[in-house]
Amino acid sequence: MVTGTPKAVGAFRTIGEVSEETGVAQHILRYWETRFPQLRPVTRAGNRRYYRPDDIALVRRIDGLLNREGYTVRGVQQLLAEPTRRARTDEAADLMPALRAIRDRLAHALVQDERLA
């Protein structure tokens, strides 16, 4: 469906618009929704899907990984889950200096306690 006025950049898109814009068939988009929990368009009455700009970016990323870079569905699932794991690892790495400082203070306190005993 072509209209006279284009939608705003941040506007929601229907599955047909996303399919046309990305070149990914509608049935493939519905399949990807079952395989990638990160891809969750808003659903309204009548089970109509509305894709947000972030959803469309994710569709483009999944399409690129599967169809241009040769990843399997399982590989893309793992890749998309990885940033969450990486963020947790980064948080732990940020805590390491503080934890080492606490460990050193405790070790120093134990040495002082042994001297007094």
PDB file of N, CA and C in Angstrom:
ATOM      1  N   MET A   1       0.840  -1.180   0.000  1.00  0.00           N
ATOM      2  CA  MET A   1       0.000   0.000   0.000  1.00  0.00           C
ATOM      3  C   MET A   1       0.882   1.239   0.000  1.00  0.00           C
ATOM      4  N   VAL A   2       0.784   2.029  -1.023  1.00  0.00           N
ATOM      5  CA  VAL A   2       1.580   3.233  -1.151  1.00  0.00           C
ATOM      6  C   VAL A   2       0.702   4.436  -0.853  1.00  0.00           C
ATOM      7  N   THR A   3       1.165   5.299   0.013  1.00  0.00           N
ATOM      8  CA  THR A   3       0.404   6.496   0.355  1.00  0.00           C
ATOM      9  C   THR A   3       1.120   7.711  -0.201  1.00  0.00           C
ATOM     10  N   GLY A   4       0.417   8.826  -0.247  1.00  0.00           N
ATOM     11  CA  GLY A   4       0.996  10.047  -0.786  1.00  0.00           C
ATOM     12  C   GLY A   4       2.028  10.673   0.134  1.00  0.00           C
ATOM     13  N   THR A   5       1.873  10.487   1.444  1.00  0.00           N
ATOM     14  CA  THR A   5       2.811  11.086   2.380  1.00  0.00           C
ATOM     15  C   THR A   5       3.609   9.988   3.069  1.00  0.00           C
ATOM     16  N   PRO A   6       4.926  10.149   3.104  1.00  0.00           N
ATOM     17  CA  PRO A   6       5.744   9.129   3.777  1.00  0.00           C
ATOM     18  C   PRO A   6       5.569   9.196   5.290  1.00  0.00           C
ATOM     19  N   LYS A   7       5.783   8.065   5.938  1.00  0.00           N
ATOM     20  CA  LYS A   7       5.696   8.017   7.401  1.00  0.00           C
ATOM     21  C   LYS A   7       6.925   8.669   8.024  1.00  0.00           C
ATOM     22  N   ALA A   8       6.756   9.117   9.237  1.00  0.00           N
ATOM     23  CA  ALA A   8       7.878   9.681   9.981  1.00  0.00           C
ATOM     24  C   ALA A   8       8.890   8.587  10.269  1.00  0.00           C
ATOM     25  N   VAL A   9      10.112   8.970  10.494  1.00  0.00           N
ATOM     26  CA  VAL A   9      11.180   8.014  10.737  1.00  0.00           C
ATOM     27  C   VAL A   9      10.876   7.101  11.916  1.00  0.00           C
ATOM     28  N   GLY A  10      10.331   7.629  12.980  1.00  0.00           N
ATOM     29  CA  GLY A  10      10.065   6.841  14.182  1.00  0.00           C
ATOM     30  C   GLY A  10       8.711   6.158  14.207  1.00  0.00           C
ATOM     31  N   ALA A  11       7.952   6.249  13.117  1.00  0.00           N
ATOM     32  CA  ALA A  11       6.613   5.672  13.092  1.00  0.00           C
ATOM     33  C   ALA A  11       6.665   4.147  13.058  1.00  0.00           C
ATOM     34  N   PHE A  12       5.637   3.536  13.617  1.00  0.00           N
ATOM     35  CA  PHE A  12       5.524   2.084  13.552  1.00  0.00           C
ATOM     36  C   PHE A  12       5.214   1.675  12.117  1.00  0.00           C
ATOM     37  N   ARG A  13       5.676   0.478  11.736  1.00  0.00           N
ATOM     38  CA  ARG A  13       5.443  -0.046  10.398  1.00  0.00           C
ATOM     39  C   ARG A  13       4.687  -1.363  10.495  1.00  0.00           C
ATOM     40  N   THR A  14       3.820  -1.620   9.518  1.00  0.00           N
ATOM     41  CA  THR A  14       3.128  -2.901   9.461  1.00  0.00           C
ATOM     42  C   THR A  14       4.086  -3.954   8.921  1.00  0.00           C
ATOM     43  N   ILE A  15       3.714  -5.212   9.051  1.00  0.00           N
ATOM     44  CA  ILE A  15       4.571  -6.290   8.565  1.00  0.00           C
ATOM     45  C   ILE A  15       4.768  -6.181   7.051  1.00  0.00           C
ATOM     46  N   GLY A  16       3.718  -5.722   6.339  1.00  0.00           N
ATOM     47  CA  GLY A  16       3.845  -5.534   4.894  1.00  0.00           C
ATOM     48  C   GLY A  16       4.856  -4.454   4.546  1.00  0.00           C
ATOM     49  N   GLU A  17       4.827  -3.354   5.294  1.00  0.00           N
ATOM     50  CA  GLU A  17       5.784  -2.269   5.057  1.00  0.00           C
ATOM     51  C   GLU A  17       7.209  -2.710   5.363  1.00  0.00           C
ATOM     52  N   VAL A  18       7.373  -3.456   6.448  1.00  0.00           N
ATOM     53  CA  VAL A  18       8.707  -3.935   6.813  1.00  0.00           C
ATOM     54  C   VAL A  18       9.212  -4.911   5.756  1.00  0.00           C
ATOM     55  N   SER A  19       8.326  -5.782   5.295  1.00  0.00           N
ATOM     56  CA  SER A  19       8.695  -6.743   4.265  1.00  0.00           C
ATOM     57  C   SER A  19       9.153  -6.029   3.000  1.00  0.00           C
ATOM     58  N   GLU A  20       8.399  -5.025   2.602  1.00  0.00           N
ATOM     59  CA  GLU A  20       8.744  -4.269   1.401  1.00  0.00           C
ATOM     60  C   GLU A  20      10.052  -3.495   1.582  1.00  0.00           C
ATOM     61  N   GLU A  21      10.216  -2.914   2.756  1.00  0.00           N
ATOM     62  CA  GLU A  21      11.391  -2.086   3.036  1.00  0.00           C
ATOM     63  C   GLU A  21      12.681  -2.906   3.145  1.00  0.00           C
ATOM     64  N   THR A  22      12.589  -4.101   3.717  1.00  0.00           N
ATOM     65  CA  THR A  22      13.788  -4.908   3.968  1.00  0.00           C
ATOM     66  C   THR A  22      14.011  -6.018   2.939  1.00  0.00           C
ATOM     67  N   GLY A  23      12.950  -6.362   2.187  1.00  0.00           N
ATOM     68  CA  GLY A  23      13.072  -7.445   1.226  1.00  0.00           C
ATOM     69  C   GLY A  23      12.932  -8.830   1.850  1.00  0.00           C
ATOM     70  N   VAL A  24      12.494  -8.883   3.104  1.00  0.00           N
ATOM     71  CA  VAL A  24      12.285 -10.150   3.799  1.00  0.00           C
ATOM     72  C   VAL A  24      10.790 -10.467   3.742  1.00  0.00           C
ATOM     73  N   ALA A  25      10.457 -11.657   3.274  1.00  0.00           N
ATOM     74  CA  ALA A  25       9.049 -12.049   3.126  1.00  0.00           C
ATOM     75  C   ALA A  25       8.334 -12.040   4.475  1.00  0.00           C
ATOM     76  N   GLN A  26       7.032 -11.781   4.428  1.00  0.00           N
ATOM     77  CA  GLN A  26       6.243 -11.694   5.654  1.00  0.00           C
ATOM     78  C   GLN A  26       6.265 -13.000   6.439  1.00  0.00           C
ATOM     79  N   HIS A  27       6.192 -14.130   5.746  1.00  0.00           N
ATOM     80  CA  HIS A  27       6.189 -15.397   6.475  1.00  0.00           C
ATOM     81  C   HIS A  27       7.535 -15.648   7.154  1.00  0.00           C
ATOM     82  N   ILE A  28       8.607 -15.122   6.577  1.00  0.00           N
ATOM     83  CA  ILE A  28       9.925 -15.242   7.201  1.00  0.00           C
ATOM     84  C   ILE A  28       9.987 -14.365   8.452  1.00  0.00           C
ATOM     85  N   LEU A  29       9.422 -13.176   8.375  1.00  0.00           N
ATOM     86  CA  LEU A  29       9.392 -12.301   9.556  1.00  0.00           C
ATOM     87  C   LEU A  29       8.631 -12.963  10.701  1.00  0.00           C
ATOM     88  N   ARG A  30       7.492 -13.592  10.376  1.00  0.00           N
ATOM     89  CA  ARG A  30       6.722 -14.278  11.422  1.00  0.00           C
ATOM     90  C   ARG A  30       7.515 -15.451  11.998  1.00  0.00           C
ATOM     91  N   TYR A  31       8.247 -16.162  11.141  1.00  0.00           N
ATOM     92  CA  TYR A  31       9.085 -17.272  11.604  1.00  0.00           C
ATOM     93  C   TYR A  31      10.188 -16.744  12.527  1.00  0.00           C
ATOM     94  N   TRP A  32      10.834 -15.660  12.132  1.00  0.00           N
ATOM     95  CA  TRP A  32      11.906 -15.102  12.960  1.00  0.00           C
ATOM     96  C   TRP A  32      11.389 -14.690  14.333  1.00  0.00           C
ATOM     97  N   GLU A  33      10.163 -14.228  14.407  1.00  0.00           N
ATOM     98  CA  GLU A  33       9.588 -13.867  15.710  1.00  0.00           C
ATOM     99  C   GLU A  33       9.543 -15.074  16.648  1.00  0.00           C
ATOM    100  N   THR A  34       9.392 -16.274  16.086  1.00  0.00           N
ATOM    101  CA  THR A  34       9.367 -17.485  16.924  1.00  0.00           C
ATOM    102  C   THR A  34      10.767 -17.933  17.315  1.00  0.00           C
ATOM    103  N   ARG A  35      11.769 -17.535  16.572  1.00  0.00           N
ATOM    104  CA  ARG A  35      13.136 -17.986  16.824  1.00  0.00           C
ATOM    105  C   ARG A  35      14.005 -16.984  17.568  1.00  0.00           C
ATOM    106  N   PHE A  36      13.678 -15.719  17.478  1.00  0.00           N
ATOM    107  CA  PHE A  36      14.496 -14.676  18.101  1.00  0.00           C
ATOM    108  C   PHE A  36      13.647 -13.909  19.100  1.00  0.00           C
ATOM    109  N   PRO A  37      13.824 -14.185  20.397  1.00  0.00           N
ATOM    110  CA  PRO A  37      12.995 -13.507  21.404  1.00  0.00           C
ATOM    111  C   PRO A  37      13.194 -11.989  21.426  1.00  0.00           C
ATOM    112  N   GLN A  38      14.301 -11.515  20.870  1.00  0.00           N
ATOM    113  CA  GLN A  38      14.554 -10.081  20.836  1.00  0.00           C
ATOM    114  C   GLN A  38      13.621  -9.373  19.845  1.00  0.00           C
ATOM    115  N   LEU A  39      13.103 -10.110  18.867  1.00  0.00           N
ATOM    116  CA  LEU A  39      12.231  -9.537  17.845  1.00  0.00           C
ATOM    117  C   LEU A  39      10.788  -9.694  18.292  1.00  0.00           C
ATOM    118  N   ARG A  40      10.251  -8.650  18.901  1.00  0.00           N
ATOM    119  CA  ARG A  40       8.888  -8.672  19.412  1.00  0.00           C
ATOM    120  C   ARG A  40       8.155  -7.413  18.974  1.00  0.00           C
ATOM    121  N   PRO A  41       7.556  -7.417  17.775  1.00  0.00           N
ATOM    122  CA  PRO A  41       6.779  -6.238  17.386  1.00  0.00           C
ATOM    123  C   PRO A  41       5.542  -6.103  18.263  1.00  0.00           C
ATOM    124  N   VAL A  42       5.019  -4.902  18.328  1.00  0.00           N
ATOM    125  CA  VAL A  42       3.800  -4.643  19.085  1.00  0.00           C
ATOM    126  C   VAL A  42       2.654  -5.312  18.328  1.00  0.00           C
ATOM    127  N   THR A  43       1.783  -6.010  19.049  1.00  0.00           N
ATOM    128  CA  THR A  43       0.612  -6.600  18.398  1.00  0.00           C
ATOM    129  C   THR A  43      -0.636  -5.900  18.901  1.00  0.00           C
ATOM    130  N   ARG A  44      -1.519  -5.611  17.971  1.00  0.00           N
ATOM    131  CA  ARG A  44      -2.778  -4.933  18.280  1.00  0.00           C
ATOM    132  C   ARG A  44      -3.942  -5.868  17.980  1.00  0.00           C
ATOM    133  N   ALA A  45      -5.140  -5.340  18.049  1.00  0.00           N
ATOM    134  CA  ALA A  45      -6.348  -6.122  17.787  1.00  0.00           C
ATOM    135  C   ALA A  45      -6.236  -6.824  16.433  1.00  0.00           C
ATOM    136  N   GLY A  46      -6.752  -8.029  16.379  1.00  0.00           N
ATOM    137  CA  GLY A  46      -6.683  -8.789  15.146  1.00  0.00           C
ATOM    138  C   GLY A  46      -5.305  -9.365  14.899  1.00  0.00           C
ATOM    139  N   ASN A  47      -4.448  -9.339  15.926  1.00  0.00           N
ATOM    140  CA  ASN A  47      -3.084  -9.877  15.848  1.00  0.00           C
ATOM    141  C   ASN A  47      -2.241  -9.166  14.789  1.00  0.00           C
ATOM    142  N   ARG A  48      -2.532  -7.890  14.562  1.00  0.00           N
ATOM    143  CA  ARG A  48      -1.732  -7.110  13.611  1.00  0.00           C
ATOM    144  C   ARG A  48      -0.422  -6.708  14.262  1.00  0.00           C
ATOM    145  N   ARG A  49       0.641  -6.860  13.504  1.00  0.00           N
ATOM    146  CA  ARG A  49       1.974  -6.549  14.010  1.00  0.00           C
ATOM    147  C   ARG A  49       2.373  -5.138  13.595  1.00  0.00           C
ATOM    148  N   TYR A  50       2.991  -4.432  14.527  1.00  0.00           N
ATOM    149  CA  TYR A  50       3.544  -3.115  14.244  1.00  0.00           C
ATOM    150  C   TYR A  50       4.986  -3.106  14.712  1.00  0.00           C
ATOM    151  N   TYR A  51       5.882  -2.868  13.777  1.00  0.00           N
ATOM    152  CA  TYR A  51       7.311  -2.905  14.059  1.00  0.00           C
ATOM    153  C   TYR A  51       7.819  -1.506  14.391  1.00  0.00           C
ATOM    154  N   ARG A  52       8.556  -1.428  15.481  1.00  0.00           N
ATOM    155  CA  ARG A  52       9.206  -0.188  15.887  1.00  0.00           C
ATOM    156  C   ARG A  52      10.507  -0.042  15.098  1.00  0.00           C
ATOM    157  N   PRO A  53      11.103   1.143  15.077  1.00  0.00           N
ATOM    158  CA  PRO A  53      12.383   1.317  14.368  1.00  0.00           C
ATOM    159  C   PRO A  53      13.469   0.340  14.862  1.00  0.00           C
ATOM    160  N   ASP A  54      13.512   0.068  16.168  1.00  0.00           N
ATOM    161  CA  ASP A  54      14.504  -0.885  16.684  1.00  0.00           C
ATOM    162  C   ASP A  54      14.244  -2.293  16.161  1.00  0.00           C
ATOM    163  N   ASP A  55      12.975  -2.661  16.006  1.00  0.00           N
ATOM    164  CA  ASP A  55      12.625  -3.972  15.449  1.00  0.00           C
ATOM    165  C   ASP A  55      13.118  -4.080  14.005  1.00  0.00           C
ATOM    166  N   ILE A  56      12.930  -3.012  13.245  1.00  0.00           N
ATOM    167  CA  ILE A  56      13.343  -3.008  11.847  1.00  0.00           C
ATOM    168  C   ILE A  56      14.864  -3.121  11.754  1.00  0.00           C
ATOM    169  N   ALA A  57      15.571  -2.422  12.634  1.00  0.00           N
ATOM    170  CA  ALA A  57      17.035  -2.540  12.653  1.00  0.00           C
ATOM    171  C   ALA A  57      17.454  -3.970  12.969  1.00  0.00           C
ATOM    172  N   LEU A  58      16.752  -4.617  13.887  1.00  0.00           N
ATOM    173  CA  LEU A  58      17.057  -6.002  14.232  1.00  0.00           C
ATOM    174  C   LEU A  58      16.766  -6.927  13.058  1.00  0.00           C
ATOM    175  N   VAL A  59      15.676  -6.689  12.342  1.00  0.00           N
ATOM    176  CA  VAL A  59      15.363  -7.488  11.155  1.00  0.00           C
ATOM    177  C   VAL A  59      16.495  -7.371  10.140  1.00  0.00           C
ATOM    178  N   ARG A  60      16.970  -6.152   9.926  1.00  0.00           N
ATOM    179  CA  ARG A  60      18.084  -5.952   8.984  1.00  0.00           C
ATOM    180  C   ARG A  60      19.343  -6.689   9.454  1.00  0.00           C
ATOM    181  N   ARG A  61      19.597  -6.652  10.757  1.00  0.00           N
ATOM    182  CA  ARG A  61      20.784  -7.334  11.290  1.00  0.00           C
ATOM    183  C   ARG A  61      20.660  -8.851  11.135  1.00  0.00           C
ATOM    184  N   ILE A  62      19.506  -9.402  11.473  1.00  0.00           N
ATOM    185  CA  ILE A  62      19.292 -10.843  11.335  1.00  0.00           C
ATOM    186  C   ILE A  62      19.413 -11.246   9.867  1.00  0.00           C
ATOM    187  N   ASP A  63      18.799 -10.461   8.987  1.00  0.00           N
ATOM    188  CA  ASP A  63      18.867 -10.753   7.556  1.00  0.00           C
ATOM    189  C   ASP A  63      20.316 -10.752   7.067  1.00  0.00           C
ATOM    190  N   GLY A  64      21.072  -9.762   7.491  1.00  0.00           N
ATOM    191  CA  GLY A  64      22.472  -9.687   7.081  1.00  0.00           C
ATOM    192  C   GLY A  64      23.288 -10.878   7.573  1.00  0.00           C
ATOM    193  N   LEU A  65      23.075 -11.246   8.823  1.00  0.00           N
ATOM    194  CA  LEU A  65      23.824 -12.368   9.387  1.00  0.00           C
ATOM    195  C   LEU A  65      23.459 -13.686   8.710  1.00  0.00           C
ATOM    196  N   LEU A  66      22.168 -13.901   8.478  1.00  0.00           N
ATOM    197  CA  LEU A  66      21.724 -15.165   7.883  1.00  0.00           C
ATOM    198  C   LEU A  66      22.023 -15.244   6.393  1.00  0.00           C
ATOM    199  N   ASN A  67      21.693 -14.203   5.663  1.00  0.00           N
ATOM    200  CA  ASN A  67      21.716 -14.276   4.200  1.00  0.00           C
ATOM    201  C   ASN A  67      22.961 -13.730   3.534  1.00  0.00           C
ATOM    202  N   ARG A  68      23.747 -12.942   4.250  1.00  0.00           N
ATOM    203  CA  ARG A  68      24.957 -12.418   3.639  1.00  0.00           C
ATOM    204  C   ARG A  68      26.231 -12.947   4.299  1.00  0.00           C
ATOM    205  N   GLU A  69      26.171 -13.150   5.612  1.00  0.00           N
ATOM    206  CA  GLU A  69      27.368 -13.610   6.312  1.00  0.00           C
ATOM    207  C   GLU A  69      27.384 -15.114   6.541  1.00  0.00           C
ATOM    208  N   GLY A  70      26.290 -15.792   6.247  1.00  0.00           N
ATOM    209  CA  GLY A  70      26.278 -17.246   6.288  1.00  0.00           C
ATOM    210  C   GLY A  70      26.055 -17.885   7.651  1.00  0.00           C
ATOM    211  N   TYR A  71      25.573 -17.132   8.614  1.00  0.00           N
ATOM    212  CA  TYR A  71      25.281 -17.710   9.926  1.00  0.00           C
ATOM    213  C   TYR A  71      24.056 -18.628   9.841  1.00  0.00           C
ATOM    214  N   THR A  72      23.987 -19.592  10.736  1.00  0.00           N
ATOM    215  CA  THR A  72      22.785 -20.404  10.893  1.00  0.00           C
ATOM    216  C   THR A  72      21.850 -19.683  11.850  1.00  0.00           C
ATOM    217  N   VAL A  73      20.597 -20.146  11.921  1.00  0.00           N
ATOM    218  CA  VAL A  73      19.649 -19.544  12.864  1.00  0.00           C
ATOM    219  C   VAL A  73      20.202 -19.676  14.279  1.00  0.00           C
ATOM    220  N   ARG A  74      20.721 -20.854  14.610  1.00  0.00           N
ATOM    221  CA  ARG A  74      21.286 -21.080  15.947  1.00  0.00           C
ATOM    222  C   ARG A  74      22.468 -20.141  16.203  1.00  0.00           C
ATOM    223  N   GLY A  75      23.300 -19.944  15.197  1.00  0.00           N
ATOM    224  CA  GLY A  75      24.438 -19.042  15.342  1.00  0.00           C
ATOM    225  C   GLY A  75      24.010 -17.615  15.606  1.00  0.00           C
ATOM    226  N   VAL A  76      22.967 -17.164  14.910  1.00  0.00           N
ATOM    227  CA  VAL A  76      22.467 -15.806  15.120  1.00  0.00           C
ATOM    228  C   VAL A  76      21.839 -15.696  16.505  1.00  0.00           C
ATOM    229  N   GLN A  77      21.134 -16.752  16.944  1.00  0.00           N
ATOM    230  CA  GLN A  77      20.557 -16.737  18.290  1.00  0.00           C
ATOM    231  C   GLN A  77      21.657 -16.550  19.333  1.00  0.00           C
ATOM    232  N   GLN A  78      22.748 -17.280  19.180  1.00  0.00           N
ATOM    233  CA  GLN A  78      23.855 -17.164  20.132  1.00  0.00           C
ATOM    234  C   GLN A  78      24.504 -15.787  20.048  1.00  0.00           C
ATOM    235  N   LEU A  79      24.661 -15.280  18.842  1.00  0.00           N
ATOM    236  CA  LEU A  79      25.279 -13.972  18.658  1.00  0.00           C
ATOM    237  C   LEU A  79      24.431 -12.862  19.275  1.00  0.00           C
ATOM    238  N   LEU A  80      23.114 -12.957  19.105  1.00  0.00           N
ATOM    239  CA  LEU A  80      22.240 -11.938  19.683  1.00  0.00           C
ATOM    240  C   LEU A  80      22.175 -12.030  21.200  1.00  0.00           C
ATOM    241  N   ALA A  81      22.359 -13.213  21.747  1.00  0.00           N
ATOM    242  CA  ALA A  81      22.357 -13.382  23.204  1.00  0.00           C
ATOM    243  C   ALA A  81      23.672 -12.942  23.814  1.00  0.00           C
ATOM    244  N   GLU A  82      24.726 -12.889  23.032  1.00  0.00           N
ATOM    245  CA  GLU A  82      26.069 -12.586  23.527  1.00  0.00           C
ATOM    246  C   GLU A  82      26.224 -11.205  24.157  1.00  0.00           C
ATOM    247  N   PRO A  83      25.647 -10.127  23.596  1.00  0.00           N
ATOM    248  CA  PRO A  83      25.843  -8.821  24.239  1.00  0.00           C
ATOM    249  C   PRO A  83      25.393  -8.796  25.694  1.00  0.00           C
ATOM    250  N   THR A  84      24.360  -9.544  26.018  1.00  0.00           N
ATOM    251  CA  THR A  84      23.908  -9.604  27.403  1.00  0.00           C
ATOM    252  C   THR A  84      24.973 -10.241  28.268  1.00  0.00           C
ATOM    253  N   ARG A  85      25.543 -11.335  27.775  1.00  0.00           N
ATOM    254  CA  ARG A  85      26.614 -11.992  28.530  1.00  0.00           C
ATOM    255  C   ARG A  85      27.837 -11.090  28.617  1.00  0.00           C
ATOM    256  N   ARG A  86      28.142 -10.403  27.528  1.00  0.00           N
ATOM    257  CA  ARG A  86      29.309  -9.524  27.510  1.00  0.00           C
ATOM    258  C   ARG A  86      29.116  -8.374  28.492  1.00  0.00           C
ATOM    259  N   ALA A  87      27.903  -7.837  28.588  1.00  0.00           N
ATOM    260  CA  ALA A  87      27.620  -6.745  29.524  1.00  0.00           C
ATOM    261  C   ALA A  87      27.838  -7.211  30.955  1.00  0.00           C
ATOM    262  N   ARG A  88      27.392  -8.433  31.264  1.00  0.00           N
ATOM    263  CA  ARG A  88      27.606  -8.957  32.614  1.00  0.00           C
ATOM    264  C   ARG A  88      29.088  -9.135  32.896  1.00  0.00           C
ATOM    265  N   THR A  89      29.845  -9.597  31.909  1.00  0.00           N
ATOM    266  CA  THR A  89      31.284  -9.779  32.067  1.00  0.00           C
ATOM    267  C   THR A  89      31.961  -8.435  32.277  1.00  0.00           C
ATOM    268  N   ASP A  90      31.524  -7.415  31.519  1.00  0.00           N
ATOM    269  CA  ASP A  90      32.089  -6.077  31.672  1.00  0.00           C
ATOM    270  C   ASP A  90      31.806  -5.521  33.063  1.00  0.00           C
ATOM    271  N   GLU A  91      30.603  -5.754  33.588  1.00  0.00           N
ATOM    272  CA  GLU A  91      30.269  -5.298  34.931  1.00  0.00           C
ATOM    273  C   GLU A  91      31.169  -5.960  35.961  1.00  0.00           C
ATOM    274  N   ALA A  92      31.405  -7.253  35.802  1.00  0.00           N
ATOM    275  CA  ALA A  92      32.280  -7.973  36.724  1.00  0.00           C
ATOM    276  C   ALA A  92      33.704  -7.435  36.628  1.00  0.00           C
ATOM    277  N   ALA A  93      34.152  -7.128  35.420  1.00  0.00           N
ATOM    278  CA  ALA A  93      35.500  -6.590  35.240  1.00  0.00           C
ATOM    279  C   ALA A  93      35.632  -5.224  35.913  1.00  0.00           C
ATOM    280  N   ASP A  94      34.570  -4.433  35.877  1.00  0.00           N
ATOM    281  CA  ASP A  94      34.591  -3.124  36.532  1.00  0.00           C
ATOM    282  C   ASP A  94      34.683  -3.270  38.048  1.00  0.00           C
ATOM    283  N   LEU A  95      34.165  -4.339  38.598  1.00  0.00           N
ATOM    284  CA  LEU A  95      34.192  -4.562  40.040  1.00  0.00           C
ATOM    285  C   LEU A  95      35.536  -5.095  40.533  1.00  0.00           C
ATOM    286  N   MET A  96      36.319  -5.674  39.658  1.00  0.00           N
ATOM    287  CA  MET A  96      37.555  -6.335  40.082  1.00  0.00           C
ATOM    288  C   MET A  96      38.504  -5.426  40.867  1.00  0.00           C
ATOM    289  N   PRO A  97      38.790  -4.206  40.440  1.00  0.00           N
ATOM    290  CA  PRO A  97      39.702  -3.367  41.244  1.00  0.00           C
ATOM    291  C   PRO A  97      39.180  -3.133  42.665  1.00  0.00           C
ATOM    292  N   ALA A  98      37.891  -2.888  42.788  1.00  0.00           N
ATOM    293  CA  ALA A  98      37.314  -2.659  44.120  1.00  0.00           C
ATOM    294  C   ALA A  98      37.414  -3.927  44.963  1.00  0.00           C
ATOM    295  N   LEU A  99      37.134  -5.069  44.358  1.00  0.00           N
ATOM    296  CA  LEU A  99      37.228  -6.334  45.098  1.00  0.00           C
ATOM    297  C   LEU A  99      38.664  -6.635  45.515  1.00  0.00           C
ATOM    298  N   ARG A 100      39.615  -6.331  44.651  1.00  0.00           N
ATOM    299  CA  ARG A 100      41.030  -6.546  45.013  1.00  0.00           C
ATOM    300  C   ARG A 100      41.442  -5.631  46.177  1.00  0.00           C
ATOM    301  N   ALA A 101      40.961  -4.408  46.154  1.00  0.00           N
ATOM    302  CA  ALA A 101      41.276  -3.475  47.237  1.00  0.00           C
ATOM    303  C   ALA A 101      40.703  -3.976  48.559  1.00  0.00           C
ATOM    304  N   ILE A 102      39.482  -4.490  48.528  1.00  0.00           N
ATOM    305  CA  ILE A 102      38.871  -5.057  49.741  1.00  0.00           C
ATOM    306  C   ILE A 102      39.678  -6.256  50.217  1.00  0.00           C
ATOM    307  N   ARG A 103      40.065  -7.135  49.278  1.00  0.00           N
ATOM    308  CA  ARG A 103      40.863  -8.309  49.635  1.00  0.00           C
ATOM    309  C   ARG A 103      42.176  -7.893  50.297  1.00  0.00           C
ATOM    310  N   ASP A 104      42.832  -6.881  49.731  1.00  0.00           N
ATOM    311  CA  ASP A 104      44.112  -6.423  50.287  1.00  0.00           C
ATOM    312  C   ASP A 104      43.935  -5.836  51.688  1.00  0.00           C
ATOM    313  N   ARG A 105      42.846  -5.080  51.886  1.00  0.00           N
ATOM    314  CA  ARG A 105      42.597  -4.532  53.221  1.00  0.00           C
ATOM    315  C   ARG A 105      42.330  -5.633  54.236  1.00  0.00           C
ATOM    316  N   LEU A 106      41.574  -6.645  53.818  1.00  0.00           N
ATOM    317  CA  LEU A 106      41.310  -7.776  54.718  1.00  0.00           C
ATOM    318  C   LEU A 106      42.597  -8.526  55.043  1.00  0.00           C
ATOM    319  N   ALA A 107      43.429  -8.736  54.038  1.00  0.00           N
ATOM    320  CA  ALA A 107      44.703  -9.424  54.279  1.00  0.00           C
ATOM    321  C   ALA A 107      45.574  -8.609  55.247  1.00  0.00           C
ATOM    322  N   HIS A 108      45.599  -7.305  55.045  1.00  0.00           N
ATOM    323  CA  HIS A 108      46.377  -6.443  55.933  1.00  0.00           C
ATOM    324  C   HIS A 108      45.817  -6.495  57.358  1.00  0.00           C
ATOM    325  N   ALA A 109      44.475  -6.471  57.483  1.00  0.00           N
ATOM    326  CA  ALA A 109      43.839  -6.545  58.799  1.00  0.00           C
ATOM    327  C   ALA A 109      44.157  -7.872  59.487  1.00  0.00           C
ATOM    328  N   LEU A 110      44.203  -8.976  58.736  1.00  0.00           N
ATOM    329  CA  LEU A 110      44.541 -10.273  59.311  1.00  0.00           C
ATOM    330  C   LEU A 110      45.974 -10.296  59.821  1.00  0.00           C
ATOM    331  N   VAL A 111      46.871  -9.695  59.048  1.00  0.00           N
ATOM    332  CA  VAL A 111      48.267  -9.637  59.488  1.00  0.00           C
ATOM    333  C   VAL A 111      48.371  -8.813  60.768  1.00  0.00           C
ATOM    334  N   GLN A 112      47.694  -7.673  60.813  1.00  0.00           N
ATOM    335  CA  GLN A 112      47.715  -6.845  62.019  1.00  0.00           C
ATOM    336  C   GLN A 112      47.131  -7.588  63.214  1.00  0.00           C
ATOM    337  N   ASP A 113      46.053  -8.349  62.976  1.00  0.00           N
ATOM    338  CA  ASP A 113      45.401  -9.120  64.046  1.00  0.00           C
ATOM    339  C   ASP A 113      46.338 -10.205  64.576  1.00  0.00           C
ATOM    340  N   GLU A 114      47.109 -10.847  63.698  1.00  0.00           N
ATOM    341  CA  GLU A 114      48.039 -11.891  64.134  1.00  0.00           C
ATOM    342  C   GLU A 114      49.173 -11.293  64.967  1.00  0.00           C
ATOM    343  N   ARG A 115      49.612 -10.101  64.633  1.00  0.00           N
ATOM    344  CA  ARG A 115      50.671  -9.441  65.375  1.00  0.00           C
ATOM    345  C   ARG A 115      50.213  -9.112  66.799  1.00  0.00           C
ATOM    346  N   LEU A 116      48.951  -8.725  66.927  1.00  0.00           N
ATOM    347  CA  LEU A 116      48.429  -8.351  68.237  1.00  0.00           C
ATOM    348  C   LEU A 116      48.173  -9.571  69.109  1.00  0.00           C
ATOM    349  N   ALA A 117      47.942 -10.716  68.497  1.00  0.00           N
ATOM    350  CA  ALA A 117      47.618 -11.909  69.283  1.00  0.00           C
ATOM    351  C   ALA A 117      48.813 -12.558  69.900  1.00  0.00           C
TER     352      ALA A 117
END
